[in-house]
Amino acid sequence: MFEGMVPWPAEATARYKRCGYWKGTSIGRVFDETARRHAKREAVVDGDRRVTYHDLGLAVDRMALHFAERGISNGRRVIFQLPNCLECVIAYFACLKVGAIPVTCLPAHRYSEIEHLARFTNAYAWLIPSEHRRFDHVAMAEELREALPAIREVLVVGDRAGDGMTLFSDMLSDLIEERVSVSALSRLEPEAGAPAVFQLSGGSTGLPKVIPRTHDDYLYNSGLLSTKSGYDADGVALVAVPMLHNFPLAGAVQPGLLAGAKIVLASNTDGETVFPLIERERVTWICAVPAMVVGWLNDPRISRANLSSLKSLAVGGSRLNPQPARRVLDEIGPVLTQVYGMAEGLCCATHPDDPVDVIVETQGRPLSADDEFRIVDEEGRNVPPGEIGELITRGPYTIRGYYKAADHNATAFTPDGYYRTGDIVSLHRSGNFVVEGRRKDLINRGGEKISAEEIENLILTHPAVQNTAVVSMPDPVLGERACAYVVLRPGAALDFQRLCGFLEEKRIARFKLPERLEVINELPTTAVGKISKKALRDDIARKLVREGGS
C-alpha cells in the first residue's frame, strides 16, 4: 500500500473486484488499447490543433519515455498547473503510464498554495505555462525553487523557460523512441490499487487536503457519469472548466479518451468562446458549473447559436437553482443533467427519463448500486425521509481517508468508513438528493471552493485588524461570494482596496479575495460564545436585498 494512503478494507476490496467495479488494470493500459482501436479518429481539438488517437498515443508514449528518463515515475508526484491545452492531456496520460502522480492544481493557484502542496506531497516535478492570463508562472517558479529543493524538474508549456527549466515542446520534438524502446514502459506500469491522481479538496479547514484516487476506483468513477448521461464513444465533449478538476477529468476528459470520443478544449467559459465551438464541432456533451450556465442564458448570442447537437448539459460543482434550471429546459432543450458529487468520490446525477420537476428541483441520485449513504443528524442518527441532515457515504470509488491526514481522517470519516461530506441534504420523494447547504465553513464561488479559515488567518495578520469572520454572501451568478467582516484595533482604519492589496501580497489565488468588506464594532456570538456566522450571513443577505431595492 502507498505510504500515507488509507486502504479500503479487505472485504470491500474483494467485493468491488467480484462485482466487476475494479478491473485490476491501469488507466494508461486502457488508454493504449483505445488509441490503437480508434487510431484514425480525432481525439483532441485545441484551438487550431487537431490530433487523432494515433498521434495522441505517439505523443503520450514519447513524453512517458522522457518522464521515465528524468525520474518522473514510480509514485513521484507532479504538480500540474496547466490550463486547458493539448499538452496537459499528453502529460496527464504520460504520468499515468509510468506511475507518476499528477497533483491537480489550478493555473490560478499562486505562491502560497503551490508551496504548501509541493512540500506536503514532496513533489518531484512541476508543470507550468510560461504565462497565463497575464500572470508570469516562470517568475513564480524561479522564486519558489529555492524553497522547494525536492522539485527537480520544471517543465514549461509556452515559448519561454527559466534557467534549469525545460520547454515541453523541446521534449515533444525529441524522438526519444528512436533511442529507447517504447516497450520499456511496460516495466513502469503502476498497480491498479496504486494512486493514479491526487485530487484536491475544497480545503474547508485551511489549505486543500489531498485526495488519493487509485487506478481501480478512478476508472470505475470515470465511466459512471458519462454512461448515465449518454456520453459515449460517438460523443463530443466540450471542456471549458479547468480540465483537471475532478468533474471534467473524471466525467469528460478521461472517460472520453478511454472510449474513443472527441474532446474539445476551450480557453474560456463565455458564450463568445463556447457557442461557436458547439456549432463547429457538433458538441454533444458539456460539463459546466451554474455560473457558466447563467452567463450563457443571459448572453444575447444564445438566441442566434445553433445548439441542436447537444444531448447533455451536465451541471455540477454547486447547486443549480430551479429558475435557471427551467430556463435551460425552455431555452436550450431537454438536455439538462443535474450533477452532485465530490472529488472524494460519490457522484450523483438526474436521469434523462426523470420527470421535469425532478430534473429541475433535485441534484440526482447515486450512480453505483454499491454507493452506500445515510442522512444523519448531529448525533449521527438517521433522519426521517424528507428531513434535512448531513450526507455520509462510502462505496467503490469513495476514498477511505485523505493522504497523510490521520488526525483529520479521525473526524472526516466514521469508524465504519463513511465519509462525512459536510453537505446538508434531504431525500426527495423521487429518491434523489436535494442539496440544502454546507455544514463545513466553505464558500462555493462558482464551483471554486474558498476556505473561510484560510482567508481569516491571513486577514488577522493585518496590523489594523483585531478580529474577523469571512462568510458567504448570495450572488445570482456565482452562487456565493466572500464577504469579510472585520473588527478593527482602536484608532485603526482599513478600506476594501487596502485589504485586497494586503491579501494580494500574500500571493493567494485571486478568486479567494473577499469581494466585500464590512467593518463592525464586534462580531456576533452564539449562546456558547462562538462567532455566529449565521447572523453575519443573514446580515449581509439583508443588506444586499436593501441595496438591490434602492
Protein backbone atom coordinates (compact mmCIF):
# COMPACT_ATOMS: atom_id res chain seq x y z
CA MET A 1 0.00 0.00 0.00
CA PHE A 2 1.16 3.51 -0.88
CA GLU A 3 2.55 5.25 2.22
CA GLY A 4 0.17 7.84 3.65
CA MET A 5 -2.87 6.34 1.94
CA VAL A 6 -5.80 4.72 3.76
CA PRO A 7 -6.78 1.41 2.11
CA TRP A 8 -10.24 0.01 1.61
CA PRO A 9 -10.95 -2.90 3.97
CA ALA A 10 -10.15 -6.33 2.55
CA GLU A 11 -13.83 -7.34 2.49
CA ALA A 12 -14.81 -4.25 0.47
CA THR A 13 -11.87 -4.70 -1.90
CA ALA A 14 -12.85 -8.31 -2.60
CA ARG A 15 -16.50 -7.34 -3.16
CA TYR A 16 -15.71 -4.47 -5.55
CA LYS A 17 -13.48 -6.78 -7.60
CA ARG A 18 -16.04 -9.59 -7.53
CA CYS A 19 -18.76 -7.20 -8.75
CA GLY A 20 -16.56 -6.08 -11.64
CA TYR A 21 -16.26 -2.47 -10.50
CA TRP A 22 -12.49 -2.72 -10.19
CA LYS A 23 -10.89 -4.16 -13.32
CA GLY A 24 -7.37 -4.68 -11.97
CA THR A 25 -5.73 -2.63 -14.72
CA SER A 26 -4.07 0.76 -15.03
CA ILE A 27 -5.60 3.77 -16.74
CA GLY A 28 -2.55 4.01 -19.00
CA ARG A 29 -3.10 0.50 -20.32
CA VAL A 30 -6.74 1.23 -21.15
CA PHE A 31 -5.65 4.41 -22.92
CA ASP A 32 -3.16 2.45 -25.05
CA GLU A 33 -5.86 -0.02 -26.09
CA THR A 34 -8.21 2.82 -27.04
CA ALA A 35 -5.53 4.66 -29.03
CA ARG A 36 -4.85 1.53 -31.06
CA ARG A 37 -8.51 0.66 -31.60
CA HIS A 38 -9.53 4.19 -32.67
CA ALA A 39 -6.27 5.29 -34.31
CA LYS A 40 -7.87 7.24 -37.15
CA ARG A 41 -10.49 9.08 -35.10
CA GLU A 42 -9.99 12.58 -33.80
CA ALA A 43 -9.16 12.60 -30.12
CA VAL A 44 -8.48 16.21 -29.05
CA VAL A 45 -9.27 19.61 -30.52
CA ASP A 46 -7.34 22.52 -29.01
CA GLY A 47 -7.87 25.72 -30.97
CA ASP A 48 -6.43 25.14 -34.42
CA ARG A 49 -4.71 21.94 -33.31
CA ARG A 50 -6.46 18.64 -34.04
CA VAL A 51 -4.91 15.27 -33.20
CA THR A 52 -6.02 11.72 -33.88
CA TYR A 53 -5.79 8.89 -31.39
CA HIS A 54 -2.78 7.58 -33.31
CA ASP A 55 -0.91 10.86 -32.94
CA LEU A 56 -2.01 11.35 -29.37
CA GLY A 57 -0.81 7.85 -28.49
CA LEU A 58 2.61 8.56 -30.03
CA ALA A 59 2.92 11.85 -28.13
CA VAL A 60 1.93 10.23 -24.83
CA ASP A 61 4.48 7.43 -25.32
CA ARG A 62 7.21 9.91 -26.22
CA MET A 63 6.52 12.05 -23.18
CA ALA A 64 6.29 8.98 -20.95
CA LEU A 65 9.78 7.92 -22.08
CA HIS A 66 11.11 11.40 -21.36
CA PHE A 67 9.46 11.37 -17.93
CA ALA A 68 10.98 7.99 -17.13
CA GLU A 69 14.41 9.18 -18.26
CA ARG A 70 14.13 12.15 -15.87
CA GLY A 71 12.92 10.08 -12.94
CA ILE A 72 9.33 11.28 -13.18
CA SER A 73 7.87 7.84 -12.45
CA ASN A 74 7.26 5.21 -9.77
CA GLY A 75 4.96 7.18 -7.49
CA ARG A 76 6.74 10.53 -7.73
CA ARG A 77 4.37 13.48 -7.53
CA VAL A 78 4.00 16.09 -10.26
CA ILE A 79 2.39 19.48 -9.64
CA PHE A 80 0.10 20.14 -12.62
CA GLN A 81 -0.67 23.81 -13.12
CA LEU A 82 -1.57 23.83 -16.80
CA PRO A 83 -4.62 25.43 -18.40
CA ASN A 84 -6.86 23.51 -20.80
CA CYS A 85 -4.46 22.51 -23.56
CA LEU A 86 -3.27 19.53 -25.56
CA GLU A 87 -0.02 19.41 -23.58
CA CYS A 88 -1.98 18.89 -20.36
CA VAL A 89 -3.72 15.85 -21.87
CA ILE A 90 -0.42 14.40 -23.07
CA ALA A 91 1.37 14.95 -19.77
CA TYR A 92 -1.53 13.54 -17.74
CA PHE A 93 -1.68 10.22 -19.55
CA ALA A 94 2.12 10.03 -19.76
CA CYS A 95 2.29 10.28 -15.97
CA LEU A 96 -0.30 7.56 -15.55
CA LYS A 97 1.66 5.22 -17.85
CA VAL A 98 4.86 5.45 -15.79
CA GLY A 99 3.27 5.67 -12.36
CA ALA A 100 3.94 9.35 -11.70
CA ILE A 101 1.08 11.01 -9.81
CA PRO A 102 -0.43 14.30 -11.06
CA VAL A 103 -1.33 16.74 -8.27
CA THR A 104 -4.24 18.59 -9.84
CA CYS A 105 -3.59 22.23 -9.04
CA LEU A 106 -5.04 25.18 -10.95
CA PRO A 107 -3.35 27.85 -13.08
CA ALA A 108 -4.98 30.31 -10.65
CA HIS A 109 -3.06 28.92 -7.68
CA ARG A 110 -0.23 31.13 -6.52
CA TYR A 111 2.84 31.02 -4.28
CA SER A 112 1.05 30.10 -1.05
CA GLU A 113 -0.94 27.14 -2.40
CA ILE A 114 1.83 25.76 -4.62
CA GLU A 115 4.49 25.92 -1.90
CA HIS A 116 2.18 24.16 0.55
CA LEU A 117 1.12 21.40 -1.86
CA ALA A 118 4.61 20.83 -3.27
CA ARG A 119 6.03 20.48 0.24
CA PHE A 120 3.18 18.35 1.53
CA THR A 121 3.31 15.89 -1.37
CA ASN A 122 7.11 16.06 -1.68
CA ALA A 123 6.61 16.83 -5.37
CA TYR A 124 9.44 15.95 -7.74
CA ALA A 125 8.31 17.87 -10.84
CA TRP A 126 6.19 20.90 -11.70
CA LEU A 127 4.33 21.60 -14.95
CA ILE A 128 3.54 25.26 -15.69
CA PRO A 129 2.63 27.56 -18.57
CA SER A 130 5.09 30.34 -19.37
CA GLU A 131 2.30 32.79 -18.70
CA HIS A 132 -1.43 32.50 -18.21
CA ARG A 133 -3.87 35.40 -18.10
CA ARG A 134 -1.07 37.90 -17.63
CA PHE A 135 0.50 36.04 -14.70
CA ASP A 136 4.16 35.05 -15.08
CA HIS A 137 4.39 31.44 -13.91
CA VAL A 138 8.06 31.19 -14.86
CA ALA A 139 8.88 34.04 -12.47
CA MET A 140 6.91 32.31 -9.70
CA ALA A 141 8.77 29.06 -10.31
CA GLU A 142 12.12 30.84 -10.27
CA GLU A 143 11.29 32.43 -6.93
CA LEU A 144 9.87 29.30 -5.30
CA ARG A 145 12.52 26.79 -6.38
CA GLU A 146 14.90 27.65 -3.57
CA ALA A 147 12.14 26.96 -1.07
CA LEU A 148 11.29 23.66 -2.79
CA PRO A 149 14.51 21.63 -3.07
CA ALA A 150 12.56 18.41 -3.78
CA ILE A 151 11.40 19.88 -7.12
CA ARG A 152 13.95 18.52 -9.58
CA GLU A 153 12.17 19.24 -12.86
CA VAL A 154 10.19 22.27 -14.02
CA LEU A 155 8.56 21.72 -17.42
CA VAL A 156 7.14 24.73 -19.21
CA VAL A 157 4.40 24.87 -21.82
CA GLY A 158 4.99 28.00 -23.87
CA ASP A 159 7.84 29.82 -25.56
CA ARG A 160 9.89 30.85 -22.53
CA ALA A 161 11.53 28.94 -19.70
CA GLY A 162 13.84 29.98 -16.89
CA ASP A 163 17.31 28.66 -16.09
CA GLY A 164 17.25 24.95 -15.36
CA MET A 165 13.74 24.54 -16.76
CA THR A 166 12.74 22.58 -19.87
CA LEU A 167 10.34 23.55 -22.61
CA PHE A 168 7.66 20.94 -23.14
CA SER A 169 7.86 21.48 -26.90
CA ASP A 170 11.56 20.55 -26.91
CA MET A 171 10.73 17.24 -25.26
CA LEU A 172 7.92 16.53 -27.70
CA SER A 173 10.18 17.18 -30.68
CA ASP A 174 12.95 14.93 -29.33
CA LEU A 175 12.41 11.46 -30.87
CA ILE A 176 13.48 9.56 -27.77
CA GLU A 177 11.69 6.43 -29.01
CA GLU A 178 14.49 6.04 -31.56
CA ARG A 179 16.94 5.61 -28.65
CA VAL A 180 14.75 3.82 -26.10
CA SER A 181 12.14 1.20 -26.95
CA VAL A 182 8.56 2.07 -26.04
CA SER A 183 8.25 -1.48 -24.72
CA ALA A 184 10.39 -0.37 -21.78
CA LEU A 185 7.35 1.50 -20.44
CA SER A 186 5.65 -1.77 -19.53
CA ARG A 187 8.10 -2.21 -16.66
CA LEU A 188 6.87 1.05 -15.12
CA GLU A 189 3.14 0.33 -15.31
CA PRO A 190 1.65 1.02 -11.86
CA GLU A 191 -0.51 -1.43 -9.96
CA ALA A 192 -4.26 -0.95 -10.22
CA GLY A 193 -4.51 -0.22 -6.50
CA ALA A 194 -1.83 2.50 -6.61
CA PRO A 195 -2.74 6.20 -6.70
CA ALA A 196 -3.42 7.43 -10.21
CA VAL A 197 -4.01 11.07 -9.35
CA PHE A 198 -4.08 13.36 -6.33
CA GLN A 199 -7.23 15.45 -6.46
CA LEU A 200 -7.65 18.39 -4.06
CA SER A 201 -10.41 19.01 -1.57
CA GLY A 202 -12.10 22.37 -1.15
CA GLY A 203 -9.98 22.96 1.95
CA SER A 204 -12.71 23.70 4.49
CA THR A 205 -10.21 23.61 7.34
CA GLY A 206 -7.46 25.63 5.71
CA LEU A 207 -5.38 24.75 2.65
CA PRO A 208 -6.62 21.88 0.45
CA LYS A 209 -6.48 18.28 1.59
CA VAL A 210 -5.06 15.73 -0.85
CA ILE A 211 -7.40 13.04 -2.19
CA PRO A 212 -5.67 9.88 -3.47
CA ARG A 213 -7.66 8.27 -6.31
CA THR A 214 -6.47 4.86 -7.48
CA HIS A 215 -6.42 3.46 -10.99
CA ASP A 216 -9.10 0.96 -9.98
CA ASP A 217 -11.55 3.39 -8.41
CA TYR A 218 -10.95 6.26 -10.85
CA LEU A 219 -11.51 4.05 -13.87
CA TYR A 220 -14.82 2.95 -12.41
CA ASN A 221 -15.76 6.52 -11.45
CA SER A 222 -14.93 7.76 -14.96
CA GLY A 223 -17.42 5.50 -16.64
CA LEU A 224 -20.38 6.17 -14.35
CA LEU A 225 -21.38 9.76 -15.08
CA SER A 226 -20.72 9.57 -18.81
CA THR A 227 -22.72 6.35 -19.15
CA LYS A 228 -25.69 7.64 -17.17
CA SER A 229 -25.83 10.93 -19.08
CA GLY A 230 -25.46 9.44 -22.56
CA TYR A 231 -21.86 10.41 -23.27
CA ASP A 232 -20.40 7.54 -25.29
CA ALA A 233 -17.71 6.76 -27.85
CA ASP A 234 -19.55 8.75 -30.51
CA GLY A 235 -19.82 11.77 -28.25
CA VAL A 236 -18.07 15.11 -28.48
CA ALA A 237 -17.36 16.71 -25.11
CA LEU A 238 -16.64 20.40 -24.65
CA VAL A 239 -14.40 21.17 -21.67
CA ALA A 240 -14.35 24.83 -20.69
CA VAL A 241 -13.91 24.50 -16.92
CA PRO A 242 -10.34 23.71 -15.73
CA MET A 243 -9.87 20.21 -17.10
CA LEU A 244 -8.08 18.74 -14.09
CA HIS A 245 -10.95 19.45 -11.73
CA ASN A 246 -12.48 16.13 -10.74
CA PHE A 247 -15.79 16.88 -12.51
CA PRO A 248 -14.41 17.40 -16.04
CA LEU A 249 -11.49 15.00 -15.62
CA ALA A 250 -13.47 12.03 -14.31
CA GLY A 251 -16.67 12.95 -16.16
CA ALA A 252 -15.45 14.04 -19.60
CA VAL A 253 -11.73 14.00 -20.41
CA GLN A 254 -10.78 10.62 -19.01
CA PRO A 255 -13.87 8.58 -19.95
CA GLY A 256 -13.94 10.18 -23.39
CA LEU A 257 -10.32 9.40 -24.18
CA LEU A 258 -10.69 5.88 -22.82
CA ALA A 259 -13.68 5.22 -25.07
CA GLY A 260 -12.75 6.82 -28.40
CA ALA A 261 -14.77 10.03 -28.10
CA LYS A 262 -13.59 13.53 -29.07
CA ILE A 263 -12.60 16.16 -26.51
CA VAL A 264 -12.84 19.84 -27.43
CA LEU A 265 -10.82 22.13 -25.14
CA ALA A 266 -11.97 25.72 -24.60
CA SER A 267 -9.79 28.50 -23.24
CA ASN A 268 -12.70 30.43 -21.76
CA THR A 269 -16.19 29.80 -20.43
CA ASP A 270 -18.08 32.69 -22.02
CA GLY A 271 -20.67 32.38 -24.76
CA GLU A 272 -18.45 34.13 -27.27
CA THR A 273 -15.99 31.23 -26.95
CA VAL A 274 -18.34 28.32 -26.25
CA PHE A 275 -21.22 28.82 -28.71
CA PRO A 276 -19.08 28.74 -31.89
CA LEU A 277 -17.28 25.62 -30.65
CA ILE A 278 -20.58 23.83 -30.05
CA GLU A 279 -21.67 24.68 -33.59
CA ARG A 280 -18.38 23.90 -35.35
CA GLU A 281 -17.57 20.65 -33.53
CA ARG A 282 -21.18 19.43 -33.13
CA VAL A 283 -20.67 19.10 -29.38
CA THR A 284 -22.97 16.59 -27.70
CA TRP A 285 -21.87 16.77 -24.05
CA ILE A 286 -20.79 19.64 -21.79
CA CYS A 287 -19.85 19.74 -18.14
CA ALA A 288 -20.44 23.15 -16.59
CA VAL A 289 -20.87 24.93 -13.29
CA PRO A 290 -24.01 27.02 -12.59
CA ALA A 291 -22.25 30.36 -13.05
CA MET A 292 -21.35 29.39 -16.61
CA VAL A 293 -24.89 28.31 -17.40
CA VAL A 294 -26.40 31.52 -16.01
CA GLY A 295 -23.94 33.52 -18.10
CA TRP A 296 -24.89 31.63 -21.26
CA LEU A 297 -28.62 32.04 -20.61
CA ASN A 298 -28.15 35.80 -20.22
CA ASP A 299 -25.92 36.14 -23.29
CA PRO A 300 -27.94 37.57 -26.24
CA ARG A 301 -25.84 35.45 -28.62
CA ILE A 302 -27.58 32.30 -27.37
CA SER A 303 -30.67 33.11 -29.45
CA ARG A 304 -28.55 33.00 -32.62
CA ALA A 305 -26.43 29.97 -31.67
CA ASN A 306 -27.12 26.54 -33.12
CA LEU A 307 -27.04 24.24 -30.09
CA SER A 308 -29.05 21.44 -31.70
CA SER A 309 -26.21 18.90 -31.39
CA LEU A 310 -26.33 18.99 -27.57
CA LYS A 311 -27.59 15.84 -25.88
CA SER A 312 -26.50 16.55 -22.32
CA LEU A 313 -25.57 19.65 -20.36
CA ALA A 314 -24.20 18.25 -17.10
CA VAL A 315 -24.21 20.94 -14.41
CA GLY A 316 -22.40 20.46 -11.12
CA GLY A 317 -19.80 21.95 -8.80
CA SER A 318 -22.55 23.74 -6.87
CA ARG A 319 -26.35 23.67 -6.89
CA LEU A 320 -28.18 24.91 -9.98
CA ASN A 321 -31.27 26.66 -8.68
CA PRO A 322 -34.71 25.82 -10.12
CA GLN A 323 -35.18 29.09 -12.02
CA PRO A 324 -32.11 28.78 -14.31
CA ALA A 325 -32.71 25.01 -14.49
CA ARG A 326 -36.15 25.63 -16.00
CA ARG A 327 -34.66 28.18 -18.38
CA VAL A 328 -32.22 25.55 -19.67
CA LEU A 329 -35.13 23.25 -20.50
CA ASP A 330 -37.18 26.05 -22.04
CA GLU A 331 -34.44 27.86 -23.97
CA ILE A 332 -31.87 25.17 -24.85
CA GLY A 333 -33.87 21.94 -24.76
CA PRO A 334 -34.31 18.71 -22.77
CA VAL A 335 -30.58 18.37 -22.21
CA LEU A 336 -30.12 19.18 -18.52
CA THR A 337 -28.40 16.70 -16.21
CA GLN A 338 -28.02 17.94 -12.65
CA VAL A 339 -24.87 16.51 -11.09
CA TYR A 340 -23.84 16.39 -7.46
CA GLY A 341 -20.57 14.91 -6.34
CA MET A 342 -17.19 15.44 -4.81
CA ALA A 343 -13.55 14.76 -5.60
CA GLU A 344 -13.55 12.37 -2.64
CA GLY A 345 -15.78 10.06 -4.66
CA LEU A 346 -19.59 9.90 -4.63
CA CYS A 347 -21.24 11.01 -7.87
CA CYS A 348 -24.97 11.58 -8.32
CA ALA A 349 -26.99 12.67 -11.33
CA THR A 350 -30.51 13.09 -12.58
CA HIS A 351 -31.60 10.86 -15.46
CA PRO A 352 -32.98 11.97 -18.83
CA ASP A 353 -36.15 9.98 -18.12
CA ASP A 354 -36.81 11.77 -14.82
CA PRO A 355 -39.91 14.00 -14.66
CA VAL A 356 -39.21 17.68 -15.30
CA ASP A 357 -39.80 18.67 -11.69
CA VAL A 358 -37.22 16.12 -10.52
CA ILE A 359 -34.61 17.37 -13.04
CA VAL A 360 -35.27 20.97 -12.01
CA GLU A 361 -35.51 20.56 -8.25
CA THR A 362 -33.00 17.81 -7.36
CA GLN A 363 -29.32 17.12 -7.75
CA GLY A 364 -29.61 13.46 -8.69
CA ARG A 365 -29.11 10.06 -7.10
CA PRO A 366 -26.01 7.88 -6.57
CA LEU A 367 -24.78 6.27 -9.76
CA SER A 368 -23.43 2.98 -8.43
CA ALA A 369 -25.53 0.18 -6.97
CA ASP A 370 -22.88 -0.06 -4.23
CA ASP A 371 -22.89 3.64 -3.29
CA GLU A 372 -23.98 3.48 0.34
CA PHE A 373 -25.31 6.58 2.08
CA ARG A 374 -27.03 7.80 5.20
CA ILE A 375 -28.52 11.20 6.05
CA VAL A 376 -27.85 11.87 9.71
CA ASP A 377 -28.42 14.48 12.41
CA GLU A 378 -25.72 15.99 14.62
CA GLU A 379 -25.74 12.89 16.81
CA GLY A 380 -25.20 10.59 13.85
CA ARG A 381 -28.75 9.26 13.86
CA ASN A 382 -30.64 8.68 10.60
CA VAL A 383 -33.20 11.41 9.91
CA PRO A 384 -36.68 10.58 8.57
CA PRO A 385 -37.18 10.76 4.77
CA GLY A 386 -37.69 14.34 3.63
CA GLU A 387 -35.90 15.92 6.59
CA ILE A 388 -32.52 17.56 6.26
CA GLY A 389 -29.29 16.16 7.65
CA GLU A 390 -25.65 15.62 6.79
CA LEU A 391 -24.92 13.17 3.98
CA ILE A 392 -22.38 10.47 4.80
CA THR A 393 -21.31 7.93 2.20
CA ARG A 394 -18.98 5.09 1.25
CA GLY A 395 -18.58 3.00 -1.87
CA PRO A 396 -16.31 1.59 -4.59
CA TYR A 397 -14.94 4.97 -5.64
CA THR A 398 -15.18 7.00 -2.42
CA ILE A 399 -11.90 7.26 -0.54
CA ARG A 400 -11.47 5.91 2.99
CA GLY A 401 -9.13 8.69 4.04
CA TYR A 402 -7.19 11.76 2.89
CA TYR A 403 -3.49 11.44 2.12
CA LYS A 404 -1.23 11.82 5.18
CA ALA A 405 -4.02 13.26 7.33
CA ALA A 406 -4.59 10.84 10.22
CA ASP A 407 -5.90 13.45 12.64
CA HIS A 408 -8.31 14.94 10.12
CA ASN A 409 -9.43 11.50 8.97
CA ALA A 410 -10.49 10.67 12.52
CA THR A 411 -13.25 13.29 12.24
CA ALA A 412 -13.87 13.29 8.49
CA PHE A 413 -14.72 9.57 8.41
CA THR A 414 -16.87 7.41 10.65
CA PRO A 415 -15.34 4.35 12.34
CA ASP A 416 -17.09 2.12 9.78
CA GLY A 417 -15.69 4.05 6.81
CA TYR A 418 -18.40 6.52 5.83
CA TYR A 419 -17.11 9.86 4.53
CA ARG A 420 -18.73 12.84 6.23
CA THR A 421 -19.42 15.05 3.24
CA GLY A 422 -20.39 18.15 5.23
CA ASP A 423 -23.29 18.64 2.81
CA ILE A 424 -26.75 19.17 4.23
CA VAL A 425 -29.27 17.33 2.05
CA SER A 426 -32.78 15.97 2.09
CA LEU A 427 -34.15 12.94 0.28
CA HIS A 428 -36.68 13.90 -2.38
CA ARG A 429 -39.75 11.72 -2.92
CA SER A 430 -38.08 10.55 -6.16
CA GLY A 431 -35.15 9.10 -4.23
CA ASN A 432 -32.89 11.92 -5.40
CA PHE A 433 -30.97 14.31 -3.18
CA VAL A 434 -31.81 17.97 -2.72
CA VAL A 435 -28.66 19.80 -1.61
CA GLU A 436 -29.65 22.34 1.02
CA GLY A 437 -26.30 23.80 2.06
CA ARG A 438 -22.96 23.17 3.77
CA ARG A 439 -22.06 22.17 7.27
CA LYS A 440 -18.43 23.00 6.64
CA ASP A 441 -17.29 26.58 6.64
CA LEU A 442 -16.72 26.72 2.92
CA ILE A 443 -17.62 29.36 0.33
CA ASN A 444 -18.54 27.99 -3.09
CA ARG A 445 -17.74 30.72 -5.62
CA GLY A 446 -18.97 29.40 -8.95
CA GLY A 447 -17.61 25.94 -8.23
CA GLU A 448 -14.30 27.16 -6.78
CA LYS A 449 -14.18 26.38 -3.06
CA ILE A 450 -12.77 29.02 -0.68
CA SER A 451 -11.79 28.15 2.87
CA ALA A 452 -13.05 30.90 5.16
CA GLU A 453 -10.50 29.84 7.76
CA GLU A 454 -7.59 30.26 5.35
CA ILE A 455 -8.61 33.82 4.45
CA GLU A 456 -9.41 34.72 8.07
CA ASN A 457 -5.94 33.61 9.15
CA LEU A 458 -4.39 35.91 6.56
CA ILE A 459 -6.62 38.89 7.40
CA LEU A 460 -5.73 38.52 11.08
CA THR A 461 -2.09 39.27 10.23
CA HIS A 462 -3.04 42.79 9.11
CA PRO A 463 -1.89 45.26 11.80
CA ALA A 464 -5.23 47.10 11.74
CA VAL A 465 -7.34 44.01 12.36
CA GLN A 466 -8.42 42.82 15.79
CA ASN A 467 -10.82 40.09 14.70
CA THR A 468 -12.50 38.86 11.54
CA ALA A 469 -15.01 36.42 10.11
CA VAL A 470 -15.36 35.59 6.42
CA VAL A 471 -18.77 34.41 5.28
CA SER A 472 -20.60 33.70 2.06
CA MET A 473 -22.96 36.24 0.57
CA PRO A 474 -25.51 35.21 -2.06
CA ASP A 475 -24.78 36.02 -5.69
CA PRO A 476 -27.18 35.47 -8.61
CA VAL A 477 -24.43 34.38 -11.00
CA LEU A 478 -21.70 32.68 -8.95
CA GLY A 479 -23.94 31.37 -6.18
CA GLU A 480 -21.73 32.73 -3.43
CA ARG A 481 -19.05 35.36 -2.95
CA ALA A 482 -16.87 36.06 0.08
CA CYS A 483 -17.61 38.92 2.47
CA ALA A 484 -15.11 39.82 5.19
CA TYR A 485 -16.45 41.19 8.47
CA VAL A 486 -13.68 42.94 10.37
CA VAL A 487 -13.30 44.42 13.85
CA LEU A 488 -10.50 46.99 13.84
CA ARG A 489 -7.98 47.77 16.53
CA PRO A 490 -8.63 51.05 18.39
CA GLY A 491 -7.75 54.03 16.21
CA ALA A 492 -7.05 51.88 13.13
CA ALA A 493 -8.58 52.31 9.67
CA LEU A 494 -8.99 49.91 6.77
CA ASP A 495 -10.87 50.05 3.49
CA PHE A 496 -11.69 47.40 0.90
CA GLN A 497 -8.91 48.29 -1.56
CA ARG A 498 -6.25 48.28 1.14
CA LEU A 499 -7.44 44.93 2.45
CA CYS A 500 -7.33 43.35 -1.02
CA GLY A 501 -3.91 44.84 -1.67
CA PHE A 502 -2.66 43.36 1.60
CA LEU A 503 -4.02 39.92 0.71
CA GLU A 504 -2.61 40.06 -2.80
CA GLU A 505 0.81 40.48 -1.21
CA LYS A 506 0.22 37.08 0.43
CA ARG A 507 0.19 35.65 -3.10
CA ILE A 508 -3.02 33.69 -2.87
CA ALA A 509 -5.28 32.88 -5.81
CA ARG A 510 -7.35 35.91 -6.82
CA PHE A 511 -10.64 34.05 -6.64
CA LYS A 512 -10.09 33.76 -2.88
CA LEU A 513 -10.06 37.51 -2.31
CA PRO A 514 -13.06 38.88 -0.38
CA GLU A 515 -15.41 40.83 -2.60
CA ARG A 516 -16.87 42.98 0.13
CA LEU A 517 -15.68 44.42 3.46
CA GLU A 518 -17.92 45.20 6.41
CA VAL A 519 -16.27 46.98 9.35
CA ILE A 520 -18.21 46.41 12.58
CA ASN A 521 -17.65 47.08 16.29
CA GLU A 522 -17.93 43.47 17.40
CA LEU A 523 -18.66 40.07 15.93
CA PRO A 524 -21.97 38.48 16.95
CA THR A 525 -21.70 35.34 19.05
CA THR A 526 -23.83 32.30 19.79
CA ALA A 527 -25.08 31.31 23.23
CA VAL A 528 -21.88 29.35 23.80
CA GLY A 529 -19.64 32.24 22.78
CA LYS A 530 -18.71 31.14 19.25
CA ILE A 531 -18.81 33.62 16.38
CA SER A 532 -22.27 33.39 14.82
CA LYS A 533 -21.60 33.15 11.12
CA LYS A 534 -25.29 32.55 10.57
CA ALA A 535 -26.02 36.00 11.97
CA LEU A 536 -23.39 37.50 9.66
CA ARG A 537 -24.73 35.67 6.62
CA ASP A 538 -28.24 36.86 7.46
CA ASP A 539 -26.93 40.41 7.91
CA ILE A 540 -25.18 40.61 4.55
CA ALA A 541 -28.15 38.97 2.81
CA ARG A 542 -30.48 41.67 4.23
CA LYS A 543 -28.09 44.42 3.16
CA LEU A 544 -27.92 43.07 -0.38
CA VAL A 545 -31.71 42.95 -0.56
CA ARG A 546 -31.97 46.57 0.62
CA GLU A 547 -29.30 47.72 -1.80
CA GLY A 548 -30.91 45.84 -4.65
CA GLY A 549 -34.20 47.54 -3.97
CA SER A 550 -32.82 51.04 -3.60
